[in-house]
Amino acid sequence: MKKILIIDDEVNVALLLSKFLTRNGFDVTTAATGTSGMEFLKNGSFDLVLCDFRLEDTDGREMLKNIKTHYPKTGVIIITGYSDIKMAVELIKMGAYDYITKPLYPDEILNTINKAFETHHALIDEPETATAGRSNNGKENKRQIPNNEFVVGTSKASKELLRQIELVAPTNYSVIILGESGTGKESAAKNIHLNSQRHNMPFIAMDCGSLTKELAASEFFGHEKGSFTGALYTKIGHFEMANGGTLFLDEVGNLSYEIQAALLRTVQERKVKRIGSTKEIDLDVRIIIATNESLQEGIQKGRFREDLYHRFNEFTIYMPPLRELGSDIMLLADHFLRMANQELGRNVTAFSPEVIECFMNYRWQGNIRELKNVVRRATLITEGDVIQMKAIPLEISNYRSPIFETVVSVPEPVVIKDSRRDLKNAAHEAEYDTILKVLREVNFNKTKAAEILNIDRKTLYNKMKAINLGK
């Protein structure tokens, strides 16, 4: 009989857990403090510990360190509240098997524990690398960012992006990834998948922007042979191909309203039916969508279904444009240089100081995709081992950043007569402060600012003009 130790200072929770697990065939012991829990571990052998993250005398981090140091073969599952999920993810990296969140659901608890025991041979002390749980087949799920897929920068924006990926990846949340074209939205989606427990299942990417209305249903749901003119063979749709894994929908805002309705039904019911078939197929698919346009603006204009938006919007990630990444620009450039050398059989080792300065000052409208193409081309045509300015396209090498783009000056607001007595002017001044605060937070990215302020871009431009914040 497998032995489980529950460490939780909420006596009622521990008692209910104990009764439930005992009924399911486990030998259960409970402890109300971290100290007493360690005493139980010292005096007896346990296969698994369920430890609440917040205890009266310690926390989950210290408990995990102690357990893994002294009892490396004992598995640990963290019990946490929603607000502590970020810390739970970090504890998983330190060697915890998994975490479960309050409120506790019996089926989820039992499923997690059974998976832990199925992989009991893997529940051993591991180094503090990017280990983060196991998949259903008992293999390790290493939460590592593959070098050829995703570059982790050192800027504040890059660190925040990585933090969000690490936070949401272990969950089954649907994710919306926002960002300009070329910022690496698909790479981010792929890394969410690779860092999840679905990592050994399919990752299927679908470009919705290239779909015609006629093709969309067949691409999403598949069709049977002979179901319509031209259906010469049976086709498996993207939902079915992604079953068990992750479906990434790029530029989902371009889908027709009719296809959005069919997509909503599939997402709600978690079933798919090929065109021409009467058989429904059960789905277990995580959905990640990406867009470089405001879906909220699409909702306001009647182009995108609000109910579908809320189905997708369980977690949102913002991909910063390349111009906001500072020194990470050259980190990415070096990465693409290594890739280009390997692809082209070259041995170019560096960029000249002039090229570095040029790269840092350029606005990179095409973002990471544009940088990658420029470096790849420069590597191909460079004759020596250092990339010089002559290998850089003229539109980049001749670029000169206007003063208003490099130094953002904030004008004074329009004159307020007496904000203490005039409510209209007081509201006007408050609106100015709010808009300016949001603009500063997003580095004057007007698209992002409009989304945060819950207005469309045209409205934002008009308000900025009205309060003397430019055109």
Protein backbone atom coordinates (compact mmCIF):
# COMPACT_ATOMS: atom_id res chain seq x y z
CA MET A 1 0.00 0.00 0.00
CA LYS A 2 1.37 3.41 -1.02
CA LYS A 3 2.04 5.77 1.87
CA ILE A 4 1.08 9.45 1.60
CA LEU A 5 1.87 12.27 4.04
CA ILE A 6 -0.46 15.29 3.98
CA ILE A 7 1.00 18.49 5.45
CA ASP A 8 -1.70 21.17 5.80
CA ASP A 9 -2.50 23.49 8.70
CA GLU A 10 -6.18 23.59 7.71
CA VAL A 11 -7.32 20.63 9.80
CA ASN A 12 -10.63 20.17 7.98
CA VAL A 13 -8.93 20.09 4.57
CA ALA A 14 -6.37 17.57 5.79
CA LEU A 15 -9.09 15.39 7.34
CA LEU A 16 -11.23 15.35 4.19
CA LEU A 17 -8.20 14.57 2.03
CA SER A 18 -7.17 11.80 4.38
CA LYS A 19 -10.61 10.15 4.31
CA PHE A 20 -10.87 10.43 0.53
CA LEU A 21 -7.42 8.97 -0.14
CA THR A 22 -7.89 6.21 2.44
CA ARG A 23 -11.08 5.14 0.67
CA ASN A 24 -9.04 4.95 -2.53
CA GLY A 25 -6.55 2.50 -1.06
CA PHE A 26 -3.74 4.70 0.28
CA ASP A 27 -2.10 4.65 3.71
CA VAL A 28 -2.44 8.29 4.81
CA THR A 29 -0.81 10.29 7.62
CA THR A 30 -1.54 13.97 8.33
CA ALA A 31 0.58 16.75 9.85
CA ALA A 32 -0.50 20.28 10.73
CA THR A 33 2.93 21.97 10.56
CA GLY A 34 6.11 21.72 8.56
CA THR A 35 8.04 20.72 11.68
CA SER A 36 5.74 17.82 12.52
CA GLY A 37 5.72 16.79 8.89
CA MET A 38 9.50 16.50 8.86
CA GLU A 39 9.29 14.43 12.07
CA PHE A 40 6.92 11.98 10.37
CA LEU A 41 9.32 11.74 7.42
CA LYS A 42 12.21 11.13 9.80
CA ASN A 43 10.45 8.28 11.59
CA GLY A 44 8.78 6.62 8.63
CA SER A 45 9.05 6.02 4.90
CA PHE A 46 6.59 7.83 2.61
CA ASP A 47 6.14 7.50 -1.13
CA LEU A 48 4.50 10.90 -1.63
CA VAL A 49 3.97 14.18 0.24
CA LEU A 50 1.04 16.52 -0.36
CA CYS A 51 2.25 19.82 1.10
CA ASP A 52 0.30 23.05 1.38
CA PHE A 53 2.38 25.99 0.14
CA ARG A 54 1.44 28.25 3.05
CA LEU A 55 2.05 26.76 6.51
CA GLU A 56 2.10 28.42 9.92
CA ASP A 57 5.77 27.71 10.59
CA THR A 58 7.28 27.58 7.07
CA ASP A 59 6.41 27.57 3.37
CA GLY A 60 6.43 25.16 0.45
CA ARG A 61 9.84 26.29 -0.79
CA GLU A 62 11.63 25.38 2.46
CA MET A 63 9.67 22.14 2.80
CA LEU A 64 10.61 21.07 -0.71
CA LYS A 65 14.30 21.83 -0.10
CA ASN A 66 14.29 19.83 3.12
CA ILE A 67 12.40 16.87 1.67
CA LYS A 68 14.54 16.69 -1.46
CA THR A 69 17.73 17.00 0.57
CA HIS A 70 16.95 14.31 3.14
CA TYR A 71 14.41 12.10 1.32
CA PRO A 72 15.22 12.39 -2.40
CA LYS A 73 13.08 9.41 -3.44
CA THR A 74 9.91 10.89 -1.94
CA GLY A 75 7.69 12.69 -4.42
CA VAL A 76 6.20 16.08 -3.56
CA ILE A 77 2.97 17.64 -4.79
CA ILE A 78 2.28 21.26 -3.79
CA ILE A 79 -1.20 22.39 -2.74
CA THR A 80 -1.62 26.05 -3.61
CA GLY A 81 -4.10 28.86 -3.98
CA TYR A 82 -4.52 30.65 -7.31
CA SER A 83 -2.42 33.63 -6.19
CA ASP A 84 0.56 31.32 -5.52
CA ILE A 85 0.62 29.55 -8.90
CA LYS A 86 3.71 31.47 -9.99
CA MET A 87 5.61 30.20 -6.95
CA ALA A 88 4.27 26.68 -7.52
CA VAL A 89 5.73 26.71 -11.02
CA GLU A 90 9.10 27.69 -9.57
CA LEU A 91 8.86 24.84 -7.04
CA ILE A 92 8.20 22.41 -9.88
CA LYS A 93 11.49 23.54 -11.40
CA MET A 94 13.15 22.75 -8.09
CA GLY A 95 11.90 19.17 -8.19
CA ALA A 96 8.26 19.06 -7.10
CA TYR A 97 6.28 16.58 -9.18
CA ASP A 98 3.24 18.79 -9.74
CA TYR A 99 0.84 21.19 -8.05
CA ILE A 100 -2.92 21.23 -7.43
CA THR A 101 -4.91 24.37 -6.76
CA LYS A 102 -7.61 25.20 -4.26
CA PRO A 103 -10.52 24.63 -4.27
CA LEU A 104 -9.59 20.94 -4.35
CA TYR A 105 -11.47 18.55 -6.61
CA PRO A 106 -11.35 14.81 -5.80
CA ASP A 107 -10.95 13.63 -9.40
CA GLU A 108 -8.09 16.06 -10.05
CA ILE A 109 -6.30 15.06 -6.84
CA LEU A 110 -6.63 11.33 -7.50
CA ASN A 111 -5.56 11.72 -11.13
CA THR A 112 -2.46 13.70 -10.17
CA ILE A 113 -1.48 11.23 -7.45
CA ASN A 114 -1.99 8.22 -9.71
CA LYS A 115 0.20 9.79 -12.38
CA ALA A 116 2.86 10.40 -9.75
CA PHE A 117 2.86 6.75 -8.73
CA GLU A 118 2.85 5.58 -12.35
CA THR A 119 6.19 7.35 -12.68
CA HIS A 120 7.48 6.46 -9.21
CA HIS A 121 10.85 5.45 -10.66
CA ALA A 122 11.28 9.01 -11.89
CA LEU A 123 10.46 10.63 -8.55
CA ILE A 124 14.05 11.06 -7.47
CA ASP A 125 16.16 14.01 -6.49
CA GLU A 126 17.00 16.04 -9.56
CA PRO A 127 19.35 19.01 -10.03
CA GLU A 128 17.84 22.45 -10.04
CA THR A 129 17.55 22.59 -13.80
CA ALA A 130 14.40 23.23 -15.78
CA THR A 131 12.71 20.00 -14.65
CA ALA A 132 8.98 20.48 -14.35
CA GLY A 133 6.84 17.40 -13.99
CA ARG A 134 6.15 14.39 -16.15
CA SER A 135 3.81 13.59 -18.95
CA ASN A 136 1.26 10.78 -18.94
CA ASN A 137 3.73 8.28 -20.33
CA GLY A 138 6.07 8.70 -17.36
CA LYS A 139 8.88 10.51 -19.13
CA GLU A 140 10.39 13.69 -17.83
CA ASN A 141 8.96 16.95 -19.06
CA LYS A 142 11.95 19.31 -19.16
CA ARG A 143 10.81 22.92 -19.15
CA GLN A 144 13.61 24.17 -21.31
CA ILE A 145 13.54 26.77 -24.03
CA PRO A 146 15.00 25.15 -27.18
CA ASN A 147 17.84 27.24 -28.60
CA ASN A 148 16.63 26.89 -32.17
CA GLU A 149 13.11 28.03 -31.33
CA PHE A 150 13.23 30.79 -28.75
CA VAL A 151 15.91 33.12 -27.46
CA VAL A 152 15.63 34.24 -23.85
CA GLY A 153 16.86 37.79 -23.52
CA THR A 154 18.01 39.80 -20.53
CA SER A 155 15.81 42.87 -21.00
CA LYS A 156 12.89 43.54 -18.67
CA ALA A 157 10.43 42.87 -21.52
CA SER A 158 12.05 39.52 -22.37
CA LYS A 159 12.11 38.39 -18.75
CA GLU A 160 8.45 39.30 -18.32
CA LEU A 161 7.58 37.34 -21.47
CA LEU A 162 9.41 34.27 -20.18
CA ARG A 163 7.73 34.63 -16.78
CA GLN A 164 4.30 34.61 -18.40
CA ILE A 165 5.14 31.55 -20.53
CA GLU A 166 6.39 29.67 -17.47
CA LEU A 167 3.26 30.68 -15.56
CA VAL A 168 0.66 29.59 -18.11
CA ALA A 169 2.42 26.64 -19.77
CA PRO A 170 1.63 23.99 -17.10
CA THR A 171 -2.09 24.84 -17.20
CA ASN A 172 -4.67 24.01 -19.88
CA TYR A 173 -5.69 27.65 -20.29
CA SER A 174 -6.50 28.96 -23.74
CA VAL A 175 -4.08 31.78 -24.57
CA ILE A 176 -4.27 34.89 -26.73
CA ILE A 177 -0.87 36.13 -27.94
CA LEU A 178 -0.84 39.76 -29.01
CA GLY A 179 1.92 41.44 -30.93
CA GLU A 180 3.04 43.05 -34.16
CA SER A 181 3.83 40.98 -37.21
CA GLY A 182 7.19 39.22 -36.92
CA THR A 183 7.51 39.36 -33.12
CA GLY A 184 7.65 35.57 -32.76
CA LYS A 185 4.10 34.74 -31.71
CA GLU A 186 4.25 31.21 -33.13
CA SER A 187 7.58 30.54 -31.39
CA ALA A 188 6.03 31.66 -28.11
CA ALA A 189 3.04 29.37 -28.71
CA LYS A 190 5.33 26.47 -29.49
CA ASN A 191 7.24 27.04 -26.29
CA ILE A 192 4.05 27.10 -24.25
CA HIS A 193 3.30 23.70 -25.79
CA LEU A 194 6.82 22.34 -25.22
CA ASN A 195 6.71 23.47 -21.61
CA SER A 196 3.36 21.81 -20.96
CA GLN A 197 2.38 18.26 -20.14
CA ARG A 198 1.20 17.99 -23.75
CA HIS A 199 4.78 18.37 -24.99
CA ASN A 200 4.94 14.86 -26.48
CA MET A 201 1.65 15.34 -28.36
CA PRO A 202 1.09 17.23 -31.64
CA PHE A 203 1.58 20.97 -32.03
CA ILE A 204 -0.46 22.02 -35.07
CA ALA A 205 -0.13 25.56 -36.44
CA MET A 206 -2.80 27.02 -38.71
CA ASP A 207 -2.62 30.33 -40.59
CA CYS A 208 -6.18 31.63 -40.57
CA GLY A 209 -5.19 34.68 -42.60
CA SER A 210 -4.64 32.56 -45.72
CA LEU A 211 -7.95 30.67 -45.50
CA THR A 212 -10.84 31.34 -47.83
CA LYS A 213 -14.37 31.00 -46.49
CA GLU A 214 -14.86 27.86 -48.57
CA LEU A 215 -11.68 26.14 -47.37
CA ALA A 216 -11.86 27.08 -43.69
CA ALA A 217 -14.45 24.50 -42.60
CA SER A 218 -12.59 21.66 -44.33
CA GLU A 219 -9.25 22.77 -42.85
CA PHE A 220 -10.66 23.04 -39.33
CA PHE A 221 -12.95 20.04 -39.23
CA GLY A 222 -11.89 17.79 -42.13
CA HIS A 223 -14.20 16.08 -44.62
CA GLU A 224 -15.21 12.66 -45.90
CA LYS A 225 -14.51 11.51 -49.45
CA GLY A 226 -17.34 12.57 -51.77
CA SER A 227 -18.92 14.95 -49.25
CA PHE A 228 -18.77 17.81 -51.78
CA THR A 229 -17.57 18.44 -55.31
CA GLY A 230 -13.82 18.05 -55.37
CA ALA A 231 -13.64 15.97 -52.17
CA LEU A 232 -11.67 13.17 -53.81
CA TYR A 233 -10.33 11.77 -50.54
CA THR A 234 -10.96 11.82 -46.80
CA LYS A 235 -9.23 14.73 -45.08
CA ILE A 236 -8.40 14.98 -41.38
CA GLY A 237 -8.96 18.50 -40.04
CA HIS A 238 -6.58 20.50 -37.88
CA PHE A 239 -8.62 19.96 -34.72
CA GLU A 240 -8.43 16.21 -35.15
CA MET A 241 -4.71 16.35 -35.99
CA ALA A 242 -4.06 18.33 -32.81
CA ASN A 243 -6.12 16.03 -30.58
CA GLY A 244 -4.31 15.51 -27.28
CA GLY A 245 -1.95 18.39 -28.05
CA THR A 246 -2.09 22.08 -28.95
CA LEU A 247 -3.76 23.89 -31.86
CA PHE A 248 -2.24 27.28 -32.72
CA LEU A 249 -4.46 29.62 -34.74
CA ASP A 250 -2.59 32.57 -36.22
CA GLU A 251 -4.47 35.73 -37.29
CA VAL A 252 -7.78 34.30 -36.08
CA GLY A 253 -9.43 37.69 -36.56
CA ASN A 254 -9.50 37.10 -40.32
CA LEU A 255 -12.00 34.24 -40.08
CA SER A 256 -15.49 34.80 -41.44
CA TYR A 257 -18.36 35.23 -38.98
CA GLU A 258 -19.90 31.93 -40.10
CA ILE A 259 -16.69 29.99 -39.43
CA GLN A 260 -16.38 31.72 -36.06
CA ALA A 261 -19.83 30.35 -35.15
CA ALA A 262 -18.79 26.80 -36.11
CA LEU A 263 -15.52 27.25 -34.23
CA LEU A 264 -17.40 28.37 -31.12
CA ARG A 265 -19.56 25.23 -31.16
CA THR A 266 -16.48 23.03 -31.44
CA VAL A 267 -14.67 24.82 -28.62
CA GLN A 268 -17.74 24.70 -26.34
CA GLU A 269 -18.70 21.08 -26.97
CA ARG A 270 -15.16 19.74 -27.37
CA LYS A 271 -16.36 17.59 -30.25
CA VAL A 272 -15.69 17.73 -33.97
CA LYS A 273 -17.52 16.22 -36.92
CA ARG A 274 -15.99 15.97 -40.38
CA ILE A 275 -17.99 17.44 -43.25
CA GLY A 276 -20.16 14.68 -44.65
CA SER A 277 -19.91 12.51 -41.55
CA THR A 278 -22.39 11.78 -38.77
CA LYS A 279 -19.72 10.59 -36.31
CA GLU A 280 -18.61 13.00 -33.60
CA ILE A 281 -15.01 12.82 -32.39
CA ASP A 282 -14.18 13.79 -28.79
CA LEU A 283 -11.52 16.48 -28.52
CA ASP A 284 -8.86 17.22 -25.93
CA VAL A 285 -7.13 20.21 -27.50
CA ARG A 286 -5.49 23.25 -25.99
CA ILE A 287 -6.04 26.33 -28.14
CA ILE A 288 -3.59 29.21 -28.51
CA ILE A 289 -4.47 32.06 -30.83
CA ALA A 290 -2.42 34.97 -32.12
CA THR A 291 -3.28 38.30 -33.69
CA ASN A 292 -1.57 41.56 -34.60
CA GLU A 293 -4.90 43.39 -34.56
CA SER A 294 -7.25 44.28 -31.73
CA LEU A 295 -9.96 41.63 -31.38
CA GLN A 296 -11.83 44.02 -29.09
CA GLU A 297 -11.95 46.53 -31.93
CA GLY A 298 -13.20 43.70 -34.17
CA ILE A 299 -15.97 43.00 -31.65
CA GLN A 300 -17.01 46.65 -31.62
CA LYS A 301 -17.19 46.68 -35.41
CA GLY A 302 -19.08 43.39 -35.59
CA ARG A 303 -16.27 41.46 -37.26
CA PHE A 304 -15.46 39.14 -34.35
CA ARG A 305 -17.77 37.25 -32.02
CA GLU A 306 -17.55 38.41 -28.42
CA ASP A 307 -18.53 34.97 -27.06
CA LEU A 308 -15.69 33.34 -29.01
CA TYR A 309 -13.26 35.98 -27.75
CA HIS A 310 -14.12 35.19 -24.13
CA ARG A 311 -13.69 31.46 -24.81
CA PHE A 312 -10.14 32.15 -25.94
CA ASN A 313 -9.25 34.89 -23.46
CA GLU A 314 -8.30 32.84 -20.39
CA PHE A 315 -4.76 34.26 -20.45
CA THR A 316 -3.16 36.98 -22.60
CA ILE A 317 0.49 37.39 -23.51
CA TYR A 318 1.93 40.52 -25.14
CA MET A 319 4.89 40.04 -27.49
CA PRO A 320 7.01 43.21 -27.35
CA PRO A 321 8.28 44.63 -30.65
CA LEU A 322 11.99 44.30 -31.32
CA ARG A 323 12.59 48.04 -30.83
CA GLU A 324 11.55 47.65 -27.15
CA LEU A 325 14.12 44.93 -26.39
CA GLY A 326 17.24 47.12 -26.13
CA SER A 327 20.44 45.07 -25.90
CA ASP A 328 18.49 41.90 -26.70
CA ILE A 329 18.58 43.03 -30.34
CA MET A 330 22.25 42.05 -30.57
CA LEU A 331 21.68 38.88 -28.55
CA LEU A 332 19.14 37.87 -31.20
CA ALA A 333 21.43 38.99 -34.01
CA ASP A 334 24.24 36.79 -32.65
CA HIS A 335 21.81 33.87 -32.43
CA PHE A 336 20.73 34.33 -36.05
CA LEU A 337 24.37 34.66 -37.10
CA ARG A 338 25.14 31.25 -35.58
CA MET A 339 22.12 29.78 -37.34
CA ALA A 340 23.12 31.32 -40.68
CA ASN A 341 26.70 30.06 -40.35
CA GLN A 342 25.44 26.55 -39.78
CA GLU A 343 22.94 26.73 -42.63
CA LEU A 344 25.30 28.31 -45.18
CA GLY A 345 28.55 26.65 -44.13
CA ARG A 346 30.14 30.03 -43.36
CA ASN A 347 32.38 31.18 -40.50
CA VAL A 348 31.38 34.81 -39.93
CA THR A 349 32.18 35.62 -36.32
CA ALA A 350 30.95 39.13 -35.52
CA PHE A 351 29.33 42.43 -36.48
CA SER A 352 31.32 45.62 -36.93
CA PRO A 353 30.72 48.44 -34.41
CA GLU A 354 28.97 50.44 -37.15
CA VAL A 355 26.56 47.57 -37.85
CA ILE A 356 25.85 47.18 -34.15
CA GLU A 357 25.04 50.88 -33.84
CA CYS A 358 22.87 50.66 -36.96
CA PHE A 359 20.95 47.67 -35.61
CA MET A 360 20.36 49.37 -32.27
CA ASN A 361 19.00 52.56 -33.86
CA TYR A 362 16.81 50.98 -36.54
CA ARG A 363 13.07 50.63 -35.80
CA TRP A 364 12.67 47.08 -37.19
CA GLN A 365 9.12 47.35 -38.50
CA GLY A 366 9.32 43.65 -39.44
CA ASN A 367 10.62 42.84 -35.95
CA ILE A 368 12.45 39.55 -35.27
CA ARG A 369 11.57 38.11 -38.68
CA GLU A 370 13.13 41.13 -40.40
CA LEU A 371 16.29 40.94 -38.24
CA LYS A 372 16.70 37.25 -39.00
CA ASN A 373 16.44 37.84 -42.77
CA VAL A 374 18.90 40.75 -42.67
CA VAL A 375 21.49 38.74 -40.70
CA ARG A 376 21.04 35.70 -42.95
CA ARG A 377 21.56 37.78 -46.09
CA ALA A 378 24.56 39.62 -44.61
CA THR A 379 26.17 36.31 -43.60
CA LEU A 380 25.82 35.04 -47.16
CA ILE A 381 27.44 38.04 -48.87
CA THR A 382 30.11 38.88 -46.26
CA GLU A 383 33.60 38.10 -47.62
CA GLY A 384 35.58 38.23 -44.38
CA ASP A 385 34.72 37.12 -40.87
CA VAL A 386 33.06 40.38 -39.73
CA ILE A 387 29.79 41.75 -41.12
CA GLN A 388 30.34 45.31 -42.38
CA MET A 389 27.88 48.05 -43.30
CA LYS A 390 28.12 47.25 -47.02
CA ALA A 391 26.38 43.93 -46.32
CA ILE A 392 23.38 45.68 -44.77
CA PRO A 393 20.42 46.75 -46.99
CA LEU A 394 20.41 50.45 -47.84
CA GLU A 395 17.02 51.11 -46.24
CA ILE A 396 18.56 50.01 -42.94
CA SER A 397 22.09 51.38 -43.27
CA ASN A 398 20.76 54.80 -44.39
CA TYR A 399 18.09 54.94 -41.72
CA ARG A 400 18.22 57.93 -39.42
CA SER A 401 15.97 57.89 -36.38
CA PRO A 402 13.94 61.14 -36.11
CA ILE A 403 14.28 63.03 -32.87
CA PHE A 404 10.65 62.46 -31.92
CA GLU A 405 11.20 58.69 -32.15
CA THR A 406 14.32 58.52 -30.02
CA VAL A 407 13.41 61.11 -27.40
CA VAL A 408 9.75 61.12 -26.46
CA SER A 409 8.83 64.55 -25.18
CA VAL A 410 5.56 64.99 -23.36
CA PRO A 411 3.85 68.33 -23.92
CA GLU A 412 1.97 70.20 -21.31
CA PRO A 413 -1.77 69.60 -21.27
CA VAL A 414 -4.12 72.24 -22.55
CA VAL A 415 -4.62 75.09 -20.10
CA ILE A 416 -6.99 74.31 -17.25
CA LYS A 417 -8.71 77.38 -15.83
CA ASP A 418 -9.40 76.09 -12.32
CA SER A 419 -9.71 72.33 -11.91
CA ARG A 420 -10.83 72.71 -8.30
CA ARG A 421 -14.08 74.44 -9.35
CA ASP A 422 -14.63 73.34 -12.93
CA LEU A 423 -15.67 69.65 -13.01
CA LYS A 424 -15.46 69.48 -16.79
CA ASN A 425 -11.84 70.59 -16.75
CA ALA A 426 -11.06 68.29 -13.80
CA ALA A 427 -12.36 65.32 -15.78
CA HIS A 428 -10.34 66.54 -18.77
CA GLU A 429 -7.16 66.64 -16.68
CA ALA A 430 -7.84 63.18 -15.22
CA GLU A 431 -8.25 61.78 -18.72
CA TYR A 432 -4.95 63.34 -19.74
CA ASP A 433 -3.18 61.79 -16.76
CA THR A 434 -4.69 58.35 -17.43
CA ILE A 435 -3.84 58.33 -21.14
CA LEU A 436 -0.31 59.58 -20.51
CA LYS A 437 0.27 56.99 -17.76
CA VAL A 438 -0.84 54.12 -20.03
CA LEU A 439 1.21 55.40 -22.97
CA ARG A 440 4.32 55.50 -20.80
CA GLU A 441 3.67 51.98 -19.51
CA VAL A 442 3.60 50.58 -23.07
CA ASN A 443 6.43 52.78 -24.37
CA PHE A 444 3.98 54.86 -26.45
CA ASN A 445 2.71 51.83 -28.36
CA LYS A 446 -0.67 53.25 -29.37
CA THR A 447 -2.20 49.91 -30.35
CA LYS A 448 -1.41 48.41 -26.95
CA ALA A 449 -2.50 51.59 -25.16
CA ALA A 450 -5.86 51.53 -26.95
CA GLU A 451 -6.41 47.93 -25.85
CA ILE A 452 -5.63 48.73 -22.21
CA LEU A 453 -7.89 51.81 -22.29
CA ASN A 454 -10.62 49.71 -23.97
CA ILE A 455 -11.02 52.12 -26.90
CA ASP A 456 -10.16 51.81 -30.59
CA ARG A 457 -7.05 53.41 -32.04
CA LYS A 458 -8.95 56.16 -33.85
CA THR A 459 -10.58 57.24 -30.60
CA LEU A 460 -7.19 57.24 -28.88
CA TYR A 461 -5.66 59.39 -31.64
CA ASN A 462 -8.52 61.89 -31.37
CA LYS A 463 -8.23 62.07 -27.57
CA MET A 464 -4.45 62.52 -27.77
CA LYS A 465 -4.90 65.35 -30.22
CA ALA A 466 -7.60 66.95 -28.06
CA ILE A 467 -5.36 66.99 -24.97
CA ASN A 468 -2.25 68.14 -26.82
CA LEU A 469 -0.46 64.79 -26.83
CA GLY A 470 0.31 64.85 -30.52
CA LYS A 471 -1.39 63.39 -33.55
